[in-house]
Amino acid sequence: MIPDYYSVAQVADILGVSKETLKRWDRNGKLISICHPKGNYRLYHRSQLEAFEEAQILFNSSWDQEILSTPLRDFKLIELFAGCGGLALGMEKAGFKSTFLNEIDHDACATLRGNRPHWNIFEGDIKNINFSEYQGEVDLISGGFPCQAFSYAGKKLGFEDIRGTLFFEFARAVKETKPKVFIAENVRGLLKHDDGKTLETISNVIHELGYKLLPPRVLKAIFYQVPQKRERLFLVCIREDLAKDIAFQWPSPYKRIMTLRDALKAGELYPKDVPNSEGQKYPKRKAEIMAYVPAGGYWRDLPDELQREYMKKSYFLSGGKTGIARRLAWDEPSLTLTCAPAQKQTERCHPEETRPLTVREYARIQTFPDTWFFSGSLSSQYKQIGNAVPVNLAFAMGRALVRLLNNIEEPSASLERAVPEKELIASSIYSIRA
């Protein structure tokens, strides 16, 4: 890419709009692309994007300053629903010391133990854990609790009323340990789950526990050195007795958007090309059909007769079904990884070779180091990686939490000024709940 120029795909990601929207803007004069001087495709110059607030946030990022964040002392962490360690590893990179981790999946626990033998891991149901021994000993609790529907009939839905949900167990851990801060991550859909009632219930319980919930925010992983279009909702909660005059600053975005090439080839993210590893295979006929899909394309790029053969009755249904027969592109971030790269609805085909992504390719797209290995069957490894929080996203959040805890320890130690609330508006980089 020419310096200071951005492709259509990159601009769509930066501004949080579709490529079709950019085409419409091109036609109506809102944002007119220019022709590449040596190629038959369209570009945008940086100066064209500076009028957009989303681009301003990217261009004026404090990433280089924030990357220097270090804890004033050893901050202790408890991780719940730890999975294969994406969130915990990012927190470790930020400087947190893991005191205790819980996960119920056997293979994920084997992954954690194999990579971090010194971590204190409890394998089993969180309901069987007494957290009281950690009271006053923990600075941060983190984890991604599974989102379960609550029953609202005739209930106030305080702490006692959510028994039987996994969020109750998360809340119980907070109640028994009383950390300075806790964070919960989840899917974006939690914002509107059950018309917002689920999040309202969670907010009520957080208040009942004696914590201040900051406005929840959806972070887009592509802005935090993750070559993947993945979104995670974060809830940051500060204990009420510590929350007064303490400001939390969400992590600033990285200076550019990483692509699949950054993930799989030697460069800024990794010193070497992705190592060989196991991977799923396509059946013979499926591979023959997928071979016709161009990089960045999907089933509609097939010849019509192959579309009909591959889609069967779905060919006649409405909707784009853009995940079907999808091949990734080198110079764009990967689509969100799922728990299986070869399922018909969620294809994640290699950009050049006609095959699903391998385990190590999956891991790199989630920004795990090549030294982080996964236990269990092939399908279990894909599932663990697909369910993980991207390590670099967790690292960015971890640095922000280090700055928060530093500020609690010594208010003058805050690396950054508090960001005025007027700057915290919804953008393509992050979304704030209304």
Protein backbone atom coordinates (compact mmCIF):
# COMPACT_ATOMS: atom_id res chain seq x y z
CA MET A 1 0.00 0.00 0.00
CA ILE A 2 1.24 3.52 -0.85
CA PRO A 3 2.12 5.45 2.37
CA ASP A 4 -0.83 7.51 3.66
CA TYR A 5 -3.23 5.75 1.30
CA TYR A 6 -5.92 3.31 2.35
CA SER A 7 -7.83 0.66 0.42
CA VAL A 8 -11.62 0.51 0.24
CA ALA A 9 -11.62 -2.44 2.66
CA GLN A 10 -9.43 -0.59 5.14
CA VAL A 11 -11.56 2.54 5.07
CA ALA A 12 -14.70 0.48 5.54
CA ASP A 13 -13.15 -1.03 8.67
CA ILE A 14 -11.90 2.30 10.01
CA LEU A 15 -15.20 4.10 9.53
CA GLY A 16 -17.36 1.14 10.48
CA VAL A 17 -19.38 1.14 7.26
CA SER A 18 -19.87 -1.35 4.45
CA LYS A 19 -18.10 -1.27 1.12
CA GLU A 20 -21.50 -0.66 -0.48
CA THR A 21 -21.88 2.47 1.67
CA LEU A 22 -18.50 3.72 0.43
CA LYS A 23 -19.61 3.15 -3.16
CA ARG A 24 -22.73 5.22 -2.45
CA TRP A 25 -20.64 7.97 -0.86
CA ASP A 26 -18.39 7.91 -3.93
CA ARG A 27 -21.41 8.45 -6.18
CA ASN A 28 -22.98 11.23 -4.12
CA GLY A 29 -19.70 13.04 -3.47
CA LYS A 30 -19.47 12.54 0.31
CA LEU A 31 -16.17 10.65 0.06
CA ILE A 32 -14.68 10.26 -3.40
CA SER A 33 -12.03 7.59 -3.95
CA ILE A 34 -9.08 8.02 -6.28
CA CYS A 35 -7.56 5.58 -8.75
CA HIS A 36 -4.31 3.85 -7.84
CA PRO A 37 -1.58 5.30 -10.10
CA LYS A 38 -0.34 1.83 -11.09
CA GLY A 39 -3.39 -0.34 -10.70
CA ASN A 40 -7.07 -0.68 -11.48
CA TYR A 41 -8.47 -0.21 -7.98
CA ARG A 42 -9.57 2.61 -5.72
CA LEU A 43 -7.82 4.28 -2.79
CA TYR A 44 -8.37 7.04 -0.25
CA HIS A 45 -5.75 9.48 1.01
CA ARG A 46 -5.34 10.04 4.73
CA SER A 47 -6.30 13.71 4.33
CA GLN A 48 -9.74 12.63 3.05
CA LEU A 49 -10.40 10.63 6.21
CA GLU A 50 -9.34 13.25 8.77
CA ALA A 51 -12.80 14.81 8.66
CA PHE A 52 -14.22 11.62 10.20
CA GLU A 53 -14.04 11.30 13.97
CA GLU A 54 -13.39 7.56 13.76
CA ALA A 55 -10.25 8.23 11.71
CA GLN A 56 -9.17 11.08 14.02
CA ILE A 57 -9.17 8.68 16.96
CA LEU A 58 -6.98 6.27 15.00
CA PHE A 59 -4.57 8.92 13.68
CA ASN A 60 -4.19 10.66 17.07
CA SER A 61 -3.83 7.53 19.18
CA SER A 62 -1.87 7.39 22.45
CA TRP A 63 -0.92 3.74 21.80
CA ASP A 64 2.85 4.37 21.88
CA GLN A 65 2.58 6.01 25.29
CA GLU A 66 0.15 3.48 26.70
CA ILE A 67 2.31 0.52 25.66
CA LEU A 68 4.78 1.68 28.34
CA SER A 69 2.26 1.13 31.15
CA THR A 70 3.66 -0.99 33.97
CA PRO A 71 2.14 -1.87 37.36
CA LEU A 72 3.37 -0.02 40.45
CA ARG A 73 3.40 -3.38 42.25
CA ASP A 74 2.33 -6.97 41.57
CA PHE A 75 -1.41 -6.76 40.96
CA LYS A 76 -3.09 -10.08 41.70
CA LEU A 77 -5.68 -11.59 39.38
CA ILE A 78 -8.42 -14.21 39.57
CA GLU A 79 -9.68 -15.42 36.20
CA LEU A 80 -13.06 -17.13 35.87
CA PHE A 81 -14.31 -19.10 32.83
CA ALA A 82 -10.69 -18.97 31.67
CA GLY A 83 -11.02 -21.12 28.53
CA CYS A 84 -7.67 -21.76 26.86
CA GLY A 85 -6.15 -18.58 28.27
CA GLY A 86 -6.54 -15.73 25.76
CA LEU A 87 -7.71 -13.21 28.37
CA ALA A 88 -5.37 -14.51 31.10
CA LEU A 89 -2.35 -14.42 28.78
CA GLY A 90 -3.11 -10.84 27.72
CA MET A 91 -3.43 -9.84 31.38
CA GLU A 92 -0.14 -11.56 32.15
CA LYS A 93 1.56 -9.61 29.36
CA ALA A 94 0.19 -6.42 30.91
CA GLY A 95 1.82 -7.31 34.23
CA PHE A 96 -0.87 -9.08 36.27
CA LYS A 97 -0.01 -12.09 38.44
CA SER A 98 -2.55 -14.88 38.18
CA THR A 99 -3.50 -16.14 41.64
CA PHE A 100 -6.30 -18.51 40.67
CA LEU A 101 -8.01 -19.63 37.46
CA ASN A 102 -11.18 -21.64 36.99
CA GLU A 103 -12.36 -23.53 33.92
CA ILE A 104 -14.68 -26.51 33.58
CA ASP A 105 -13.54 -27.83 30.18
CA HIS A 106 -10.94 -30.58 30.60
CA ASP A 107 -9.03 -29.90 27.37
CA ALA A 108 -8.87 -26.16 28.04
CA CYS A 109 -7.49 -26.86 31.53
CA ALA A 110 -4.88 -29.16 29.99
CA THR A 111 -3.95 -26.33 27.65
CA LEU A 112 -3.56 -23.92 30.56
CA ARG A 113 -1.48 -26.36 32.62
CA GLY A 114 0.69 -27.31 29.66
CA ASN A 115 1.60 -23.70 28.93
CA ARG A 116 1.66 -22.29 32.48
CA PRO A 117 2.48 -25.08 34.97
CA HIS A 118 2.82 -22.50 37.77
CA TRP A 119 -0.73 -21.19 37.40
CA ASN A 120 -3.14 -22.30 40.13
CA ILE A 121 -5.94 -23.88 38.07
CA PHE A 122 -9.15 -25.34 39.48
CA GLU A 123 -10.75 -27.66 36.95
CA GLY A 124 -14.44 -28.06 37.59
CA ASP A 125 -17.76 -26.37 38.24
CA ILE A 126 -17.45 -22.85 39.66
CA LYS A 127 -20.34 -23.67 41.98
CA ASN A 128 -17.97 -25.86 44.00
CA ILE A 129 -15.45 -23.08 44.75
CA ASN A 130 -15.28 -21.09 47.98
CA PHE A 131 -13.57 -17.82 47.13
CA SER A 132 -13.54 -16.45 50.68
CA GLU A 133 -9.88 -17.33 51.25
CA TYR A 134 -8.97 -14.70 48.66
CA GLN A 135 -10.91 -11.88 50.34
CA GLY A 136 -8.79 -8.74 50.40
CA GLU A 137 -5.99 -10.52 48.51
CA VAL A 138 -7.11 -9.84 44.94
CA ASP A 139 -6.87 -6.65 42.89
CA LEU A 140 -8.78 -7.80 39.83
CA ILE A 141 -11.29 -10.49 38.87
CA SER A 142 -11.74 -11.03 35.15
CA GLY A 143 -13.64 -13.45 32.98
CA GLY A 144 -16.27 -14.01 30.35
CA PHE A 145 -19.34 -15.55 31.92
CA PRO A 146 -21.71 -17.39 29.55
CA CYS A 147 -24.81 -15.25 28.95
CA GLN A 148 -27.92 -17.05 30.18
CA ALA A 149 -31.47 -15.81 29.98
CA PHE A 150 -33.02 -14.86 33.31
CA SER A 151 -36.66 -15.34 34.30
CA TYR A 152 -38.23 -11.98 35.08
CA ALA A 153 -41.71 -12.98 36.20
CA GLY A 154 -42.53 -11.21 39.45
CA LYS A 155 -38.93 -10.81 40.54
CA LYS A 156 -36.80 -7.81 41.44
CA LEU A 157 -33.74 -9.71 40.22
CA GLY A 158 -31.20 -8.71 42.81
CA PHE A 159 -28.24 -10.87 43.76
CA GLU A 160 -30.31 -13.65 45.35
CA ASP A 161 -32.79 -13.78 42.48
CA ILE A 162 -30.22 -14.73 39.85
CA ARG A 163 -29.24 -18.02 41.51
CA GLY A 164 -28.88 -20.77 38.97
CA THR A 165 -27.20 -18.53 36.40
CA LEU A 166 -23.46 -18.46 35.79
CA PHE A 167 -23.49 -14.71 36.27
CA PHE A 168 -24.61 -15.39 39.84
CA GLU A 169 -21.45 -17.46 40.35
CA PHE A 170 -19.33 -14.65 38.88
CA ALA A 171 -21.07 -12.18 41.21
CA ARG A 172 -20.60 -14.53 44.16
CA ALA A 173 -16.85 -14.63 43.51
CA VAL A 174 -16.82 -10.83 43.57
CA LYS A 175 -18.88 -10.74 46.78
CA GLU A 176 -16.59 -13.20 48.54
CA THR A 177 -13.28 -11.64 47.45
CA LYS A 178 -14.10 -7.91 47.22
CA PRO A 179 -11.49 -7.05 44.56
CA LYS A 180 -10.70 -3.42 43.81
CA VAL A 181 -11.86 -3.86 40.22
CA PHE A 182 -13.55 -6.54 38.16
CA ILE A 183 -14.19 -6.84 34.45
CA ALA A 184 -16.54 -9.11 32.56
CA GLU A 185 -16.37 -9.65 28.83
CA ASN A 186 -19.10 -11.02 26.62
CA VAL A 187 -20.60 -10.93 23.16
CA ARG A 188 -21.99 -7.69 21.77
CA GLY A 189 -25.48 -9.21 21.84
CA LEU A 190 -25.60 -8.91 25.63
CA LEU A 191 -26.31 -5.19 25.17
CA LYS A 192 -29.74 -5.92 23.70
CA HIS A 193 -30.37 -9.40 25.07
CA ASP A 194 -34.03 -9.76 26.06
CA ASP A 195 -34.67 -6.10 25.11
CA GLY A 196 -31.92 -4.94 27.46
CA LYS A 197 -33.40 -6.62 30.54
CA THR A 198 -30.46 -8.98 31.00
CA LEU A 199 -27.93 -6.14 31.11
CA GLU A 200 -30.24 -4.14 33.38
CA THR A 201 -30.34 -7.07 35.80
CA ILE A 202 -26.56 -7.40 35.67
CA SER A 203 -26.21 -3.65 36.35
CA ASN A 204 -28.54 -3.91 39.35
CA VAL A 205 -26.53 -6.77 40.82
CA ILE A 206 -23.24 -4.93 40.29
CA HIS A 207 -24.64 -1.94 42.19
CA GLU A 208 -25.93 -4.23 44.95
CA LEU A 209 -22.42 -5.69 45.31
CA GLY A 210 -21.06 -2.20 45.97
CA TYR A 211 -19.42 -1.49 42.61
CA LYS A 212 -19.68 1.30 40.08
CA LEU A 213 -20.31 0.03 36.55
CA LEU A 214 -18.77 2.24 33.88
CA PRO A 215 -20.76 2.64 30.65
CA PRO A 216 -20.29 -0.75 28.91
CA ARG A 217 -18.33 -0.63 25.71
CA VAL A 218 -17.87 -2.84 22.67
CA LEU A 219 -14.26 -2.95 21.50
CA LYS A 220 -13.43 -3.97 17.95
CA ALA A 221 -10.38 -6.21 17.97
CA ILE A 222 -9.07 -4.91 14.64
CA PHE A 223 -8.08 -1.66 16.37
CA TYR A 224 -5.85 -3.41 18.92
CA GLN A 225 -3.27 -5.28 16.81
CA VAL A 226 -5.62 -8.18 16.13
CA PRO A 227 -5.97 -9.21 12.45
CA GLN A 228 -9.61 -10.21 12.89
CA LYS A 229 -13.04 -8.59 12.73
CA ARG A 230 -14.10 -9.59 16.21
CA GLU A 231 -16.07 -7.61 18.78
CA ARG A 232 -16.23 -8.07 22.53
CA LEU A 233 -18.32 -6.25 25.11
CA PHE A 234 -16.48 -5.20 28.27
CA LEU A 235 -17.98 -4.29 31.63
CA VAL A 236 -15.54 -2.48 33.93
CA CYS A 237 -16.53 -2.16 37.57
CA ILE A 238 -14.75 -0.25 40.36
CA ARG A 239 -15.45 -0.77 44.05
CA GLU A 240 -17.55 2.15 45.29
CA ASP A 241 -15.17 3.12 48.11
CA LEU A 242 -12.41 3.54 45.52
CA ALA A 243 -14.36 4.96 42.59
CA LYS A 244 -14.58 8.61 43.61
CA ASP A 245 -12.38 10.87 41.48
CA ILE A 246 -10.86 7.81 39.76
CA ALA A 247 -11.04 7.95 35.97
CA PHE A 248 -10.74 4.97 33.68
CA GLN A 249 -9.40 5.44 30.18
CA TRP A 250 -10.25 2.83 27.58
CA PRO A 251 -7.29 1.67 25.48
CA SER A 252 -6.30 3.75 22.49
CA PRO A 253 -6.28 2.07 19.06
CA TYR A 254 -3.15 0.95 17.26
CA LYS A 255 -1.89 3.09 14.40
CA ARG A 256 -3.07 0.70 11.69
CA ILE A 257 -5.29 -2.29 11.06
CA MET A 258 -3.61 -5.68 10.89
CA THR A 259 -4.50 -8.08 8.09
CA LEU A 260 -4.38 -11.81 7.48
CA ARG A 261 -0.96 -11.29 5.89
CA ASP A 262 0.27 -9.85 9.20
CA ALA A 263 -1.04 -12.94 10.97
CA LEU A 264 0.36 -15.64 8.70
CA LYS A 265 3.52 -14.10 7.23
CA ALA A 266 6.70 -12.82 8.85
CA GLY A 267 6.44 -9.15 9.74
CA GLU A 268 5.37 -6.82 12.50
CA LEU A 269 3.26 -9.32 14.44
CA TYR A 270 5.41 -12.44 14.08
CA PRO A 271 9.10 -12.88 13.15
CA LYS A 272 8.46 -15.97 11.00
CA ASP A 273 5.79 -17.34 8.69
CA VAL A 274 3.14 -19.42 10.43
CA PRO A 275 4.46 -22.90 11.26
CA ASN A 276 2.82 -26.00 9.81
CA SER A 277 0.17 -27.70 11.92
CA GLU A 278 -2.85 -29.94 11.75
CA GLY A 279 -6.05 -28.76 10.15
CA GLN A 280 -9.42 -29.95 8.96
CA LYS A 281 -9.89 -31.02 5.35
CA TYR A 282 -12.70 -30.49 2.84
CA PRO A 283 -14.47 -33.43 1.24
CA LYS A 284 -13.39 -33.91 -2.38
CA ARG A 285 -16.41 -32.30 -4.08
CA LYS A 286 -16.49 -29.39 -1.67
CA ALA A 287 -12.81 -28.69 -2.36
CA GLU A 288 -13.52 -28.75 -6.10
CA ILE A 289 -16.26 -26.13 -5.68
CA MET A 290 -14.33 -23.97 -3.21
CA ALA A 291 -11.44 -23.80 -5.68
CA TYR A 292 -13.59 -21.48 -7.83
CA VAL A 293 -14.06 -18.92 -5.01
CA PRO A 294 -11.62 -15.95 -5.34
CA ALA A 295 -9.80 -14.40 -2.40
CA GLY A 296 -12.28 -12.35 -0.40
CA GLY A 297 -15.20 -13.99 -2.20
CA TYR A 298 -18.07 -16.27 -1.24
CA TRP A 299 -20.76 -18.45 -2.83
CA ARG A 300 -22.16 -15.71 -5.05
CA ASP A 301 -18.78 -15.58 -6.83
CA LEU A 302 -19.26 -19.15 -8.04
CA PRO A 303 -20.65 -19.96 -11.48
CA ASP A 304 -24.45 -20.19 -11.30
CA GLU A 305 -24.58 -23.96 -11.71
CA LEU A 306 -22.14 -24.39 -8.80
CA GLN A 307 -24.12 -21.92 -6.70
CA ARG A 308 -27.21 -24.07 -7.17
CA GLU A 309 -25.34 -27.29 -6.42
CA TYR A 310 -23.65 -25.94 -3.30
CA MET A 311 -26.54 -23.96 -1.84
CA LYS A 312 -29.32 -26.40 -2.76
CA LYS A 313 -32.67 -25.02 -1.46
CA SER A 314 -30.91 -22.08 0.20
CA TYR A 315 -30.15 -20.75 -3.29
CA PHE A 316 -33.74 -19.53 -3.54
CA LEU A 317 -33.90 -17.92 -0.08
CA SER A 318 -33.39 -14.23 0.56
CA GLY A 319 -30.44 -12.85 2.50
CA GLY A 320 -26.78 -12.58 1.60
CA LYS A 321 -25.56 -15.64 3.55
CA THR A 322 -22.09 -14.12 3.19
CA GLY A 323 -20.39 -16.65 5.46
CA ILE A 324 -21.08 -19.55 3.10
CA ALA A 325 -18.20 -20.71 0.88
CA ARG A 326 -16.16 -17.79 2.16
CA ARG A 327 -12.49 -17.44 1.26
CA LEU A 328 -10.38 -14.96 3.24
CA ALA A 329 -8.18 -12.28 1.66
CA TRP A 330 -4.53 -11.53 2.43
CA ASP A 331 -4.88 -7.78 2.72
CA GLU A 332 -7.96 -7.67 4.94
CA PRO A 333 -8.49 -8.80 8.52
CA SER A 334 -9.94 -12.27 8.95
CA LEU A 335 -13.63 -12.62 9.57
CA THR A 336 -14.50 -13.54 13.16
CA LEU A 337 -13.22 -17.02 13.87
CA THR A 338 -15.84 -19.57 14.85
CA CYS A 339 -15.44 -22.87 16.69
CA ALA A 340 -15.03 -24.77 13.41
CA PRO A 341 -13.50 -23.39 10.17
CA ALA A 342 -15.17 -25.79 7.73
CA GLN A 343 -18.85 -25.58 8.61
CA LYS A 344 -20.99 -24.51 5.68
CA GLN A 345 -22.42 -21.39 7.34
CA THR A 346 -19.08 -20.13 8.65
CA GLU A 347 -16.39 -21.01 6.13
CA ARG A 348 -12.88 -19.73 6.84
CA CYS A 349 -10.96 -20.86 3.76
CA HIS A 350 -7.27 -20.06 3.27
CA PRO A 351 -6.77 -17.15 0.82
CA GLU A 352 -4.67 -19.18 -1.64
CA GLU A 353 -4.89 -22.86 -0.79
CA THR A 354 -8.28 -24.55 -0.96
CA ARG A 355 -8.52 -25.77 2.62
CA PRO A 356 -9.77 -24.58 6.00
CA LEU A 357 -7.38 -22.65 8.22
CA THR A 358 -5.09 -24.82 10.35
CA VAL A 359 -4.90 -24.76 14.16
CA ARG A 360 -1.78 -22.59 14.16
CA GLU A 361 -3.31 -20.20 11.64
CA TYR A 362 -6.35 -19.97 13.88
CA ALA A 363 -4.12 -19.28 16.87
CA ARG A 364 -2.20 -16.55 15.07
CA ILE A 365 -5.37 -14.78 14.01
CA GLN A 366 -6.28 -14.76 17.73
CA THR A 367 -2.71 -13.43 18.38
CA PHE A 368 -1.57 -16.37 20.50
CA PRO A 369 2.21 -16.83 20.44
CA ASP A 370 3.52 -19.80 18.46
CA THR A 371 4.80 -21.26 21.73
CA TRP A 372 1.23 -21.57 23.08
CA PHE A 373 0.02 -25.09 22.37
CA PHE A 374 -3.47 -26.53 22.64
CA SER A 375 -4.55 -29.89 24.09
CA GLY A 376 -7.30 -32.26 23.03
CA SER A 377 -8.71 -33.41 19.72
CA LEU A 378 -8.48 -31.29 16.60
CA SER A 379 -12.09 -30.15 16.95
CA SER A 380 -11.48 -29.30 20.62
CA GLN A 381 -8.46 -27.18 19.72
CA TYR A 382 -10.45 -25.22 17.14
CA LYS A 383 -13.23 -24.74 19.68
CA GLN A 384 -10.86 -23.49 22.37
CA ILE A 385 -9.22 -20.99 20.03
CA GLY A 386 -12.50 -19.85 18.47
CA ASN A 387 -13.98 -19.11 21.90
CA ALA A 388 -10.95 -17.20 23.20
CA VAL A 389 -10.51 -13.49 23.72
CA PRO A 390 -7.79 -12.32 21.29
CA VAL A 391 -4.57 -12.04 23.29
CA ASN A 392 -3.62 -8.60 21.97
CA LEU A 393 -7.08 -7.21 22.73
CA ALA A 394 -6.76 -8.57 26.27
CA PHE A 395 -3.25 -7.07 26.47
CA ALA A 396 -4.58 -3.63 25.53
CA MET A 397 -7.38 -3.91 28.10
CA GLY A 398 -4.87 -5.18 30.65
CA ARG A 399 -2.70 -2.10 30.22
CA ALA A 400 -5.74 0.12 30.70
CA LEU A 401 -6.57 -1.77 33.92
CA VAL A 402 -2.97 -1.44 35.11
CA ARG A 403 -3.26 2.32 34.69
CA LEU A 404 -6.55 2.27 36.58
CA LEU A 405 -5.10 0.30 39.50
CA ASN A 406 -1.97 2.48 39.48
CA ASN A 407 -4.26 5.48 39.78
CA ILE A 408 -6.08 3.87 42.71
CA GLU A 409 -2.73 3.18 44.40
CA GLU A 410 -1.32 6.63 43.69
CA PRO A 411 -3.71 9.10 42.05
CA SER A 412 -0.76 11.02 40.59
CA ALA A 413 0.53 7.88 38.84
CA SER A 414 -2.04 7.94 36.05
CA LEU A 415 -0.28 7.82 32.71
CA GLU A 416 -2.96 9.70 30.81
CA ARG A 417 -5.34 12.53 31.53
CA ALA A 418 -8.93 11.49 31.97
CA VAL A 419 -10.74 11.51 28.66
CA PRO A 420 -13.65 14.00 28.75
CA GLU A 421 -17.01 12.28 28.49
CA LYS A 422 -17.80 14.23 25.30
CA GLU A 423 -14.95 12.35 23.58
CA LEU A 424 -16.38 9.00 24.58
CA ILE A 425 -18.89 8.77 21.77
CA ALA A 426 -19.93 5.77 19.74
CA SER A 427 -17.56 5.11 16.88
CA SER A 428 -16.32 2.31 14.68
CA ILE A 429 -13.49 1.76 17.17
CA TYR A 430 -15.78 1.25 20.12
CA SER A 431 -19.43 1.49 20.93
CA ILE A 432 -20.99 2.88 24.07
CA ARG A 433 -24.30 1.68 25.36
CA ALA A 434 -26.93 4.38 25.15
